[in-house]
PDB file of N, CA and C in Angstrom:
ATOM      1  N   UNK A   1     -62.538  -4.805  41.357  1.00  0.00           N
ATOM      2  CA  UNK A   1     -61.929  -5.939  40.693  1.00  0.00           C
ATOM      3  C   UNK A   1     -61.101  -5.437  39.521  1.00  0.00           C
ATOM      4  N   UNK A   2     -59.997  -6.078  39.312  1.00  0.00           N
ATOM      5  CA  UNK A   2     -59.047  -5.591  38.347  1.00  0.00           C
ATOM      6  C   UNK A   2     -59.192  -6.094  36.933  1.00  0.00           C
ATOM      7  N   UNK A   3     -60.065  -7.041  36.651  1.00  0.00           N
ATOM      8  CA  UNK A   3     -60.206  -7.544  35.290  1.00  0.00           C
ATOM      9  C   UNK A   3     -60.674  -8.974  35.278  1.00  0.00           C
ATOM     10  N   UNK A   4     -60.484  -9.632  34.162  1.00  0.00           N
ATOM     11  CA  UNK A   4     -60.942 -11.007  34.011  1.00  0.00           C
ATOM     12  C   UNK A   4     -60.233 -11.916  35.018  1.00  0.00           C
ATOM     13  N   UNK A   5     -61.003 -12.849  35.563  1.00  0.00           N
ATOM     14  CA  UNK A   5     -60.454 -13.767  36.546  1.00  0.00           C
ATOM     15  C   UNK A   5     -60.536 -13.262  37.969  1.00  0.00           C
ATOM     16  N   UNK A   6     -61.285 -12.183  38.187  1.00  0.00           N
ATOM     17  CA  UNK A   6     -61.424 -11.642  39.531  1.00  0.00           C
ATOM     18  C   UNK A   6     -62.866 -11.778  40.006  1.00  0.00           C
ATOM     19  N   UNK A   7     -63.041 -11.766  41.305  1.00  0.00           N
ATOM     20  CA  UNK A   7     -64.380 -11.874  41.872  1.00  0.00           C
ATOM     21  C   UNK A   7     -64.381 -11.395  43.310  1.00  0.00           C
ATOM     22  N   UNK A   8     -65.572 -11.255  43.835  1.00  0.00           N
ATOM     23  CA  UNK A   8     -65.742 -10.894  45.235  1.00  0.00           C
ATOM     24  C   UNK A   8     -67.028 -11.487  45.761  1.00  0.00           C
ATOM     25  N   UNK A   9     -67.084 -11.690  47.060  1.00  0.00           N
ATOM     26  CA  UNK A   9     -68.258 -12.283  47.696  1.00  0.00           C
ATOM     27  C   UNK A   9     -68.650 -11.429  48.895  1.00  0.00           C
ATOM     28  N   UNK A  10     -69.940 -11.119  48.980  1.00  0.00           N
ATOM     29  CA  UNK A  10     -70.504 -10.442  50.145  1.00  0.00           C
ATOM     30  C   UNK A  10     -71.328 -11.455  50.927  1.00  0.00           C
ATOM     31  N   UNK A  11     -71.231 -11.405  52.243  1.00  0.00           N
ATOM     32  CA  UNK A  11     -72.012 -12.312  53.091  1.00  0.00           C
ATOM     33  C   UNK A  11     -73.040 -11.481  53.848  1.00  0.00           C
ATOM     34  N   UNK A  12     -74.285 -11.944  53.828  1.00  0.00           N
ATOM     35  CA  UNK A  12     -75.363 -11.280  54.530  1.00  0.00           C
ATOM     36  C   UNK A  12     -75.902 -12.210  55.609  1.00  0.00           C
ATOM     37  N   UNK A  13     -76.208 -11.633  56.770  1.00  0.00           N
ATOM     38  CA  UNK A  13     -76.687 -12.429  57.894  1.00  0.00           C
ATOM     39  C   UNK A  13     -77.922 -11.768  58.489  1.00  0.00           C
ATOM     40  N   UNK A  14     -78.952 -12.570  58.728  1.00  0.00           N
ATOM     41  CA  UNK A  14     -80.122 -12.124  59.470  1.00  0.00           C
ATOM     42  C   UNK A  14     -80.319 -13.070  60.648  1.00  0.00           C
ATOM     43  N   UNK A  15     -81.356 -12.854  61.406  1.00  0.00           N
ATOM     44  CA  UNK A  15     -81.649 -13.761  62.516  1.00  0.00           C
ATOM     45  C   UNK A  15     -81.984 -15.160  62.028  1.00  0.00           C
ATOM     46  N   UNK A  16     -82.456 -15.273  60.779  1.00  0.00           N
ATOM     47  CA  UNK A  16     -82.940 -16.543  60.264  1.00  0.00           C
ATOM     48  C   UNK A  16     -82.001 -17.251  59.298  1.00  0.00           C
ATOM     49  N   UNK A  17     -81.088 -16.504  58.654  1.00  0.00           N
ATOM     50  CA  UNK A  17     -80.296 -17.150  57.605  1.00  0.00           C
ATOM     51  C   UNK A  17     -79.000 -16.425  57.307  1.00  0.00           C
ATOM     52  N   UNK A  18     -78.112 -17.162  56.643  1.00  0.00           N
ATOM     53  CA  UNK A  18     -76.849 -16.643  56.116  1.00  0.00           C
ATOM     54  C   UNK A  18     -76.838 -16.891  54.620  1.00  0.00           C
ATOM     55  N   UNK A  19     -76.433 -15.883  53.857  1.00  0.00           N
ATOM     56  CA  UNK A  19     -76.332 -16.048  52.404  1.00  0.00           C
ATOM     57  C   UNK A  19     -75.077 -15.330  51.914  1.00  0.00           C
ATOM     58  N   UNK A  20     -74.624 -15.702  50.717  1.00  0.00           N
ATOM     59  CA  UNK A  20     -73.563 -14.952  50.058  1.00  0.00           C
ATOM     60  C   UNK A  20     -74.016 -14.565  48.658  1.00  0.00           C
ATOM     61  N   UNK A  21     -73.506 -13.423  48.222  1.00  0.00           N
ATOM     62  CA  UNK A  21     -73.693 -12.961  46.857  1.00  0.00           C
ATOM     63  C   UNK A  21     -72.300 -12.851  46.248  1.00  0.00           C
ATOM     64  N   UNK A  22     -72.108 -13.542  45.145  1.00  0.00           N
ATOM     65  CA  UNK A  22     -70.814 -13.526  44.456  1.00  0.00           C
ATOM     66  C   UNK A  22     -70.961 -12.813  43.117  1.00  0.00           C
ATOM     67  N   UNK A  23     -70.007 -11.967  42.795  1.00  0.00           N
ATOM     68  CA  UNK A  23     -69.939 -11.303  41.492  1.00  0.00           C
ATOM     69  C   UNK A  23     -68.509 -11.383  40.994  1.00  0.00           C
ATOM     70  N   UNK A  24     -68.355 -11.458  39.689  1.00  0.00           N
ATOM     71  CA  UNK A  24     -67.009 -11.541  39.160  1.00  0.00           C
ATOM     72  C   UNK A  24     -66.959 -11.383  37.658  1.00  0.00           C
ATOM     73  N   UNK A  25     -65.755 -11.545  37.146  1.00  0.00           N
ATOM     74  CA  UNK A  25     -65.492 -11.452  35.708  1.00  0.00           C
ATOM     75  C   UNK A  25     -64.726 -12.702  35.299  1.00  0.00           C
ATOM     76  N   UNK A  26     -65.250 -13.387  34.276  1.00  0.00           N
ATOM     77  CA  UNK A  26     -64.614 -14.597  33.757  1.00  0.00           C
ATOM     78  C   UNK A  26     -64.567 -14.482  32.236  1.00  0.00           C
ATOM     79  N   UNK A  27     -63.373 -14.636  31.662  1.00  0.00           N
ATOM     80  CA  UNK A  27     -63.190 -14.462  30.216  1.00  0.00           C
ATOM     81  C   UNK A  27     -63.791 -13.149  29.730  1.00  0.00           C
ATOM     82  N   UNK A  28     -63.571 -12.111  30.516  1.00  0.00           N
ATOM     83  CA  UNK A  28     -63.992 -10.745  30.208  1.00  0.00           C
ATOM     84  C   UNK A  28     -65.508 -10.578  30.134  1.00  0.00           C
ATOM     85  N   UNK A  29     -66.261 -11.490  30.780  1.00  0.00           N
ATOM     86  CA  UNK A  29     -67.709 -11.351  30.906  1.00  0.00           C
ATOM     87  C   UNK A  29     -68.089 -11.474  32.372  1.00  0.00           C
ATOM     88  N   UNK A  30     -69.114 -10.766  32.758  1.00  0.00           N
ATOM     89  CA  UNK A  30     -69.566 -10.771  34.137  1.00  0.00           C
ATOM     90  C   UNK A  30     -70.231 -12.095  34.502  1.00  0.00           C
ATOM     91  N   UNK A  31     -70.289 -12.374  35.794  1.00  0.00           N
ATOM     92  CA  UNK A  31     -71.039 -13.519  36.306  1.00  0.00           C
ATOM     93  C   UNK A  31     -71.517 -13.183  37.717  1.00  0.00           C
ATOM     94  N   UNK A  32     -72.534 -13.902  38.183  1.00  0.00           N
ATOM     95  CA  UNK A  32     -73.049 -13.673  39.528  1.00  0.00           C
ATOM     96  C   UNK A  32     -73.705 -14.938  40.062  1.00  0.00           C
ATOM     97  N   UNK A  33     -73.859 -14.971  41.384  1.00  0.00           N
ATOM     98  CA  UNK A  33     -74.488 -16.113  42.041  1.00  0.00           C
ATOM     99  C   UNK A  33     -74.960 -15.688  43.426  1.00  0.00           C
ATOM    100  N   UNK A  34     -75.946 -16.410  43.934  1.00  0.00           N
ATOM    101  CA  UNK A  34     -76.423 -16.253  45.309  1.00  0.00           C
ATOM    102  C   UNK A  34     -76.444 -17.642  45.930  1.00  0.00           C
ATOM    103  N   UNK A  35     -75.861 -17.772  47.102  1.00  0.00           N
ATOM    104  CA  UNK A  35     -75.853 -19.053  47.819  1.00  0.00           C
ATOM    105  C   UNK A  35     -76.618 -18.855  49.125  1.00  0.00           C
ATOM    106  N   UNK A  36     -77.680 -19.634  49.315  1.00  0.00           N
ATOM    107  CA  UNK A  36     -78.494 -19.543  50.521  1.00  0.00           C
ATOM    108  C   UNK A  36     -78.277 -20.767  51.398  1.00  0.00           C
ATOM    109  N   UNK A  37     -78.844 -20.730  52.594  1.00  0.00           N
ATOM    110  CA  UNK A  37     -78.796 -21.891  53.478  1.00  0.00           C
ATOM    111  C   UNK A  37     -77.409 -22.219  53.994  1.00  0.00           C
ATOM    112  N   UNK A  38     -76.598 -21.212  54.181  1.00  0.00           N
ATOM    113  CA  UNK A  38     -75.222 -21.446  54.621  1.00  0.00           C
ATOM    114  C   UNK A  38     -75.139 -21.751  56.114  1.00  0.00           C
ATOM    115  N   UNK A  39     -74.123 -22.485  56.478  1.00  0.00           N
ATOM    116  CA  UNK A  39     -73.797 -22.741  57.878  1.00  0.00           C
ATOM    117  C   UNK A  39     -72.878 -21.626  58.362  1.00  0.00           C
ATOM    118  N   UNK A  40     -72.810 -21.385  59.678  1.00  0.00           N
ATOM    119  CA  UNK A  40     -71.967 -20.293  60.193  1.00  0.00           C
ATOM    120  C   UNK A  40     -70.499 -20.355  59.754  1.00  0.00           C
ATOM    121  N   UNK A  41     -69.968 -21.547  59.558  1.00  0.00           N
ATOM    122  CA  UNK A  41     -68.554 -21.649  59.167  1.00  0.00           C
ATOM    123  C   UNK A  41     -68.335 -21.509  57.665  1.00  0.00           C
ATOM    124  N   UNK A  42     -69.401 -21.357  56.880  1.00  0.00           N
ATOM    125  CA  UNK A  42     -69.276 -21.168  55.433  1.00  0.00           C
ATOM    126  C   UNK A  42     -69.226 -19.666  55.132  1.00  0.00           C
ATOM    127  N   UNK A  43     -68.062 -19.099  55.357  1.00  0.00           N
ATOM    128  CA  UNK A  43     -67.847 -17.671  55.162  1.00  0.00           C
ATOM    129  C   UNK A  43     -67.541 -17.366  53.697  1.00  0.00           C
ATOM    130  N   UNK A  44     -67.447 -16.093  53.377  1.00  0.00           N
ATOM    131  CA  UNK A  44     -67.073 -15.684  52.022  1.00  0.00           C
ATOM    132  C   UNK A  44     -65.691 -16.217  51.665  1.00  0.00           C
ATOM    133  N   UNK A  45     -64.816 -16.287  52.638  1.00  0.00           N
ATOM    134  CA  UNK A  45     -63.470 -16.816  52.415  1.00  0.00           C
ATOM    135  C   UNK A  45     -63.510 -18.293  52.024  1.00  0.00           C
ATOM    136  N   UNK A  46     -64.497 -19.019  52.494  1.00  0.00           N
ATOM    137  CA  UNK A  46     -64.670 -20.430  52.140  1.00  0.00           C
ATOM    138  C   UNK A  46     -65.383 -20.562  50.791  1.00  0.00           C
ATOM    139  N   UNK A  47     -66.420 -19.764  50.562  1.00  0.00           N
ATOM    140  CA  UNK A  47     -67.255 -19.890  49.362  1.00  0.00           C
ATOM    141  C   UNK A  47     -66.531 -19.430  48.098  1.00  0.00           C
ATOM    142  N   UNK A  48     -65.834 -18.304  48.136  1.00  0.00           N
ATOM    143  CA  UNK A  48     -65.258 -17.747  46.909  1.00  0.00           C
ATOM    144  C   UNK A  48     -64.327 -18.711  46.171  1.00  0.00           C
ATOM    145  N   UNK A  49     -63.413 -19.413  46.829  1.00  0.00           N
ATOM    146  CA  UNK A  49     -62.542 -20.347  46.092  1.00  0.00           C
ATOM    147  C   UNK A  49     -63.296 -21.491  45.415  1.00  0.00           C
ATOM    148  N   UNK A  50     -64.516 -21.762  45.846  1.00  0.00           N
ATOM    149  CA  UNK A  50     -65.294 -22.850  45.258  1.00  0.00           C
ATOM    150  C   UNK A  50     -65.721 -22.551  43.818  1.00  0.00           C
ATOM    151  N   UNK A  51     -65.565 -21.317  43.372  1.00  0.00           N
ATOM    152  CA  UNK A  51     -65.893 -20.944  41.998  1.00  0.00           C
ATOM    153  C   UNK A  51     -64.724 -21.187  41.036  1.00  0.00           C
ATOM    154  N   UNK A  52     -63.593 -21.643  41.560  1.00  0.00           N
ATOM    155  CA  UNK A  52     -62.381 -21.796  40.754  1.00  0.00           C
ATOM    156  C   UNK A  52     -61.799 -23.205  40.866  1.00  0.00           C
ATOM    157  N   UNK A  53     -60.894 -23.528  39.931  1.00  0.00           N
ATOM    158  CA  UNK A  53     -60.125 -24.784  39.953  1.00  0.00           C
ATOM    159  C   UNK A  53     -61.019 -26.014  40.078  1.00  0.00           C
ATOM    160  N   UNK A  54     -62.048 -26.079  39.238  1.00  0.00           N
ATOM    161  CA  UNK A  54     -62.991 -27.204  39.222  1.00  0.00           C
ATOM    162  C   UNK A  54     -63.715 -27.411  40.544  1.00  0.00           C
ATOM    163  N   UNK A  55     -63.878 -26.322  41.309  1.00  0.00           N
ATOM    164  CA  UNK A  55     -64.616 -26.390  42.568  1.00  0.00           C
ATOM    165  C   UNK A  55     -66.099 -26.655  42.328  1.00  0.00           C
ATOM    166  N   UNK A  56     -66.848 -26.915  43.395  1.00  0.00           N
ATOM    167  CA  UNK A  56     -68.258 -27.284  43.250  1.00  0.00           C
ATOM    168  C   UNK A  56     -69.151 -26.182  42.692  1.00  0.00           C
ATOM    169  N   UNK A  57     -68.686 -24.955  42.669  1.00  0.00           N
ATOM    170  CA  UNK A  57     -69.484 -23.851  42.122  1.00  0.00           C
ATOM    171  C   UNK A  57     -68.911 -23.282  40.819  1.00  0.00           C
ATOM    172  N   UNK A  58     -67.878 -23.894  40.283  1.00  0.00           N
ATOM    173  CA  UNK A  58     -67.230 -23.386  39.061  1.00  0.00           C
ATOM    174  C   UNK A  58     -68.196 -23.320  37.885  1.00  0.00           C
ATOM    175  N   UNK A  59     -69.144 -24.252  37.828  1.00  0.00           N
ATOM    176  CA  UNK A  59     -70.107 -24.254  36.714  1.00  0.00           C
ATOM    177  C   UNK A  59     -70.942 -22.980  36.688  1.00  0.00           C
ATOM    178  N   UNK A  60     -71.179 -22.381  37.845  1.00  0.00           N
ATOM    179  CA  UNK A  60     -71.955 -21.131  37.902  1.00  0.00           C
ATOM    180  C   UNK A  60     -71.155 -20.000  37.255  1.00  0.00           C
ATOM    181  N   UNK A  61     -69.878 -19.912  37.580  1.00  0.00           N
ATOM    182  CA  UNK A  61     -69.001 -18.901  36.978  1.00  0.00           C
ATOM    183  C   UNK A  61     -68.981 -19.061  35.465  1.00  0.00           C
ATOM    184  N   UNK A  62     -68.932 -20.300  35.002  1.00  0.00           N
ATOM    185  CA  UNK A  62     -68.878 -20.575  33.561  1.00  0.00           C
ATOM    186  C   UNK A  62     -70.149 -20.121  32.834  1.00  0.00           C
ATOM    187  N   UNK A  63     -71.276 -20.073  33.523  1.00  0.00           N
ATOM    188  CA  UNK A  63     -72.530 -19.631  32.894  1.00  0.00           C
ATOM    189  C   UNK A  63     -72.510 -18.152  32.539  1.00  0.00           C
ATOM    190  N   UNK A  64     -71.707 -17.368  33.234  1.00  0.00           N
ATOM    191  CA  UNK A  64     -71.564 -15.929  32.994  1.00  0.00           C
ATOM    192  C   UNK A  64     -72.916 -15.211  32.973  1.00  0.00           C
ATOM    193  N   UNK A  65     -73.714 -15.465  33.990  1.00  0.00           N
ATOM    194  CA  UNK A  65     -75.045 -14.873  34.066  1.00  0.00           C
ATOM    195  C   UNK A  65     -74.983 -13.376  34.350  1.00  0.00           C
ATOM    196  N   UNK A  66     -75.877 -12.620  33.729  1.00  0.00           N
ATOM    197  CA  UNK A  66     -76.013 -11.187  33.992  1.00  0.00           C
ATOM    198  C   UNK A  66     -76.994 -10.929  35.120  1.00  0.00           C
ATOM    199  N   UNK A  67     -77.795 -11.945  35.465  1.00  0.00           N
ATOM    200  CA  UNK A  67     -78.702 -11.832  36.603  1.00  0.00           C
ATOM    201  C   UNK A  67     -79.035 -13.219  37.132  1.00  0.00           C
ATOM    202  N   UNK A  68     -79.386 -13.243  38.409  1.00  0.00           N
ATOM    203  CA  UNK A  68     -79.736 -14.505  39.043  1.00  0.00           C
ATOM    204  C   UNK A  68     -80.637 -14.203  40.234  1.00  0.00           C
ATOM    205  N   UNK A  69     -81.649 -15.027  40.435  1.00  0.00           N
ATOM    206  CA  UNK A  69     -82.513 -14.869  41.600  1.00  0.00           C
ATOM    207  C   UNK A  69     -82.843 -16.232  42.179  1.00  0.00           C
ATOM    208  N   UNK A  70     -83.099 -16.239  43.474  1.00  0.00           N
ATOM    209  CA  UNK A  70     -83.420 -17.473  44.186  1.00  0.00           C
ATOM    210  C   UNK A  70     -84.221 -17.098  45.429  1.00  0.00           C
ATOM    211  N   UNK A  71     -85.082 -18.015  45.846  1.00  0.00           N
ATOM    212  CA  UNK A  71     -85.806 -17.866  47.104  1.00  0.00           C
ATOM    213  C   UNK A  71     -85.247 -18.880  48.087  1.00  0.00           C
ATOM    214  N   UNK A  72     -84.882 -18.400  49.262  1.00  0.00           N
ATOM    215  CA  UNK A  72     -84.275 -19.265  50.267  1.00  0.00           C
ATOM    216  C   UNK A  72     -85.323 -20.165  50.908  1.00  0.00           C
ATOM    217  N   UNK A  73     -84.851 -21.114  51.700  1.00  0.00           N
ATOM    218  CA  UNK A  73     -85.748 -22.043  52.386  1.00  0.00           C
ATOM    219  C   UNK A  73     -86.673 -21.338  53.375  1.00  0.00           C
ATOM    220  N   UNK A  74     -86.274 -20.184  53.889  1.00  0.00           N
ATOM    221  CA  UNK A  74     -87.139 -19.447  54.818  1.00  0.00           C
ATOM    222  C   UNK A  74     -88.030 -18.440  54.098  1.00  0.00           C
ATOM    223  N   UNK A  75     -87.946 -18.411  52.760  1.00  0.00           N
ATOM    224  CA  UNK A  75     -88.860 -17.601  51.965  1.00  0.00           C
ATOM    225  C   UNK A  75     -88.370 -16.225  51.553  1.00  0.00           C
ATOM    226  N   UNK A  76     -87.115 -15.922  51.780  1.00  0.00           N
ATOM    227  CA  UNK A  76     -86.565 -14.631  51.369  1.00  0.00           C
ATOM    228  C   UNK A  76     -86.094 -14.716  49.920  1.00  0.00           C
ATOM    229  N   UNK A  77     -86.467 -13.726  49.130  1.00  0.00           N
ATOM    230  CA  UNK A  77     -86.046 -13.691  47.731  1.00  0.00           C
ATOM    231  C   UNK A  77     -84.785 -12.831  47.620  1.00  0.00           C
ATOM    232  N   UNK A  78     -83.803 -13.355  46.901  1.00  0.00           N
ATOM    233  CA  UNK A  78     -82.544 -12.655  46.649  1.00  0.00           C
ATOM    234  C   UNK A  78     -82.350 -12.543  45.151  1.00  0.00           C
ATOM    235  N   UNK A  79     -81.899 -11.382  44.702  1.00  0.00           N
ATOM    236  CA  UNK A  79     -81.666 -11.180  43.278  1.00  0.00           C
ATOM    237  C   UNK A  79     -80.411 -10.345  43.067  1.00  0.00           C
ATOM    238  N   UNK A  80     -79.612 -10.743  42.107  1.00  0.00           N
ATOM    239  CA  UNK A  80     -78.475  -9.958  41.642  1.00  0.00           C
ATOM    240  C   UNK A  80     -78.734  -9.668  40.175  1.00  0.00           C
ATOM    241  N   UNK A  81     -78.600  -8.414  39.801  1.00  0.00           N
ATOM    242  CA  UNK A  81     -78.826  -8.038  38.411  1.00  0.00           C
ATOM    243  C   UNK A  81     -77.819  -6.955  38.030  1.00  0.00           C
ATOM    244  N   UNK A  82     -77.017  -7.260  37.011  1.00  0.00           N
ATOM    245  CA  UNK A  82     -76.081  -6.259  36.514  1.00  0.00           C
ATOM    246  C   UNK A  82     -76.865  -5.174  35.790  1.00  0.00           C
ATOM    247  N   UNK A  83     -76.679  -3.930  36.217  1.00  0.00           N
ATOM    248  CA  UNK A  83     -77.307  -2.800  35.539  1.00  0.00           C
ATOM    249  C   UNK A  83     -76.389  -2.263  34.443  1.00  0.00           C
ATOM    250  N   UNK A  84     -75.095  -2.496  34.588  1.00  0.00           N
ATOM    251  CA  UNK A  84     -74.107  -2.268  33.535  1.00  0.00           C
ATOM    252  C   UNK A  84     -73.376  -3.595  33.390  1.00  0.00           C
ATOM    253  N   UNK A  85     -73.702  -4.341  32.328  1.00  0.00           N
ATOM    254  CA  UNK A  85     -73.220  -5.714  32.188  1.00  0.00           C
ATOM    255  C   UNK A  85     -72.072  -5.866  31.201  1.00  0.00           C
ATOM    256  N   UNK A  86     -71.681  -4.810  30.552  1.00  0.00           N
ATOM    257  CA  UNK A  86     -70.590  -4.862  29.570  1.00  0.00           C
ATOM    258  C   UNK A  86     -69.611  -3.737  29.848  1.00  0.00           C
ATOM    259  N   UNK A  87     -68.375  -3.930  29.419  1.00  0.00           N
ATOM    260  CA  UNK A  87     -67.376  -2.888  29.548  1.00  0.00           C
ATOM    261  C   UNK A  87     -66.497  -3.054  30.768  1.00  0.00           C
ATOM    262  N   UNK A  88     -65.844  -1.955  31.154  1.00  0.00           N
ATOM    263  CA  UNK A  88     -64.866  -2.000  32.238  1.00  0.00           C
ATOM    264  C   UNK A  88     -65.383  -1.465  33.567  1.00  0.00           C
ATOM    265  N   UNK A  89     -66.608  -0.966  33.607  1.00  0.00           N
ATOM    266  CA  UNK A  89     -67.165  -0.404  34.834  1.00  0.00           C
ATOM    267  C   UNK A  89     -68.505  -1.055  35.143  1.00  0.00           C
ATOM    268  N   UNK A  90     -68.462  -2.333  35.441  1.00  0.00           N
ATOM    269  CA  UNK A  90     -69.680  -3.101  35.698  1.00  0.00           C
ATOM    270  C   UNK A  90     -70.356  -2.624  36.974  1.00  0.00           C
ATOM    271  N   UNK A  91     -71.690  -2.706  36.977  1.00  0.00           N
ATOM    272  CA  UNK A  91     -72.470  -2.352  38.159  1.00  0.00           C
ATOM    273  C   UNK A  91     -73.582  -3.376  38.314  1.00  0.00           C
ATOM    274  N   UNK A  92     -73.868  -3.727  39.565  1.00  0.00           N
ATOM    275  CA  UNK A  92     -74.928  -4.699  39.830  1.00  0.00           C
ATOM    276  C   UNK A  92     -75.753  -4.248  41.018  1.00  0.00           C
ATOM    277  N   UNK A  93     -77.042  -4.543  40.957  1.00  0.00           N
ATOM    278  CA  UNK A  93     -77.947  -4.323  42.085  1.00  0.00           C
ATOM    279  C   UNK A  93     -78.132  -5.642  42.806  1.00  0.00           C
ATOM    280  N   UNK A  94     -78.179  -5.574  44.121  1.00  0.00           N
ATOM    281  CA  UNK A  94     -78.515  -6.723  44.954  1.00  0.00           C
ATOM    282  C   UNK A  94     -79.825  -6.376  45.642  1.00  0.00           C
ATOM    283  N   UNK A  95     -80.836  -7.191  45.405  1.00  0.00           N
ATOM    284  CA  UNK A  95     -82.167  -6.922  45.944  1.00  0.00           C
ATOM    285  C   UNK A  95     -82.534  -8.061  46.890  1.00  0.00           C
ATOM    286  N   UNK A  96     -82.889  -7.701  48.111  1.00  0.00           N
ATOM    287  CA  UNK A  96     -83.266  -8.683  49.123  1.00  0.00           C
ATOM    288  C   UNK A  96     -84.681  -8.353  49.586  1.00  0.00           C
ATOM    289  N   UNK A  97     -85.550  -9.349  49.498  1.00  0.00           N
ATOM    290  CA  UNK A  97     -86.909  -9.111  49.994  1.00  0.00           C
ATOM    291  C   UNK A  97     -87.977  -9.734  49.159  1.00  0.00           C
TER     292      UNK A  97
END
């Protein structure tokens, strides 16, 4: 990512569920989110724009969280945690299980 206002989304698929993990930079601070319970047509290309332009997930970007965790409806725990949360070389761990 090139700087503030950028983001990316990874989509994970198992036999039981689809999820996305979003990470980005907003106002020069990191943010992250995990979306569970997705339908097959809810791809990363569909989810990522929802964090912008008053989309339904924009409030998550505004929180600028350094970590986030959630347990899906099928009982899988997902966690995103920035291990380097400041500066120009951000790093985050994604933990599934």
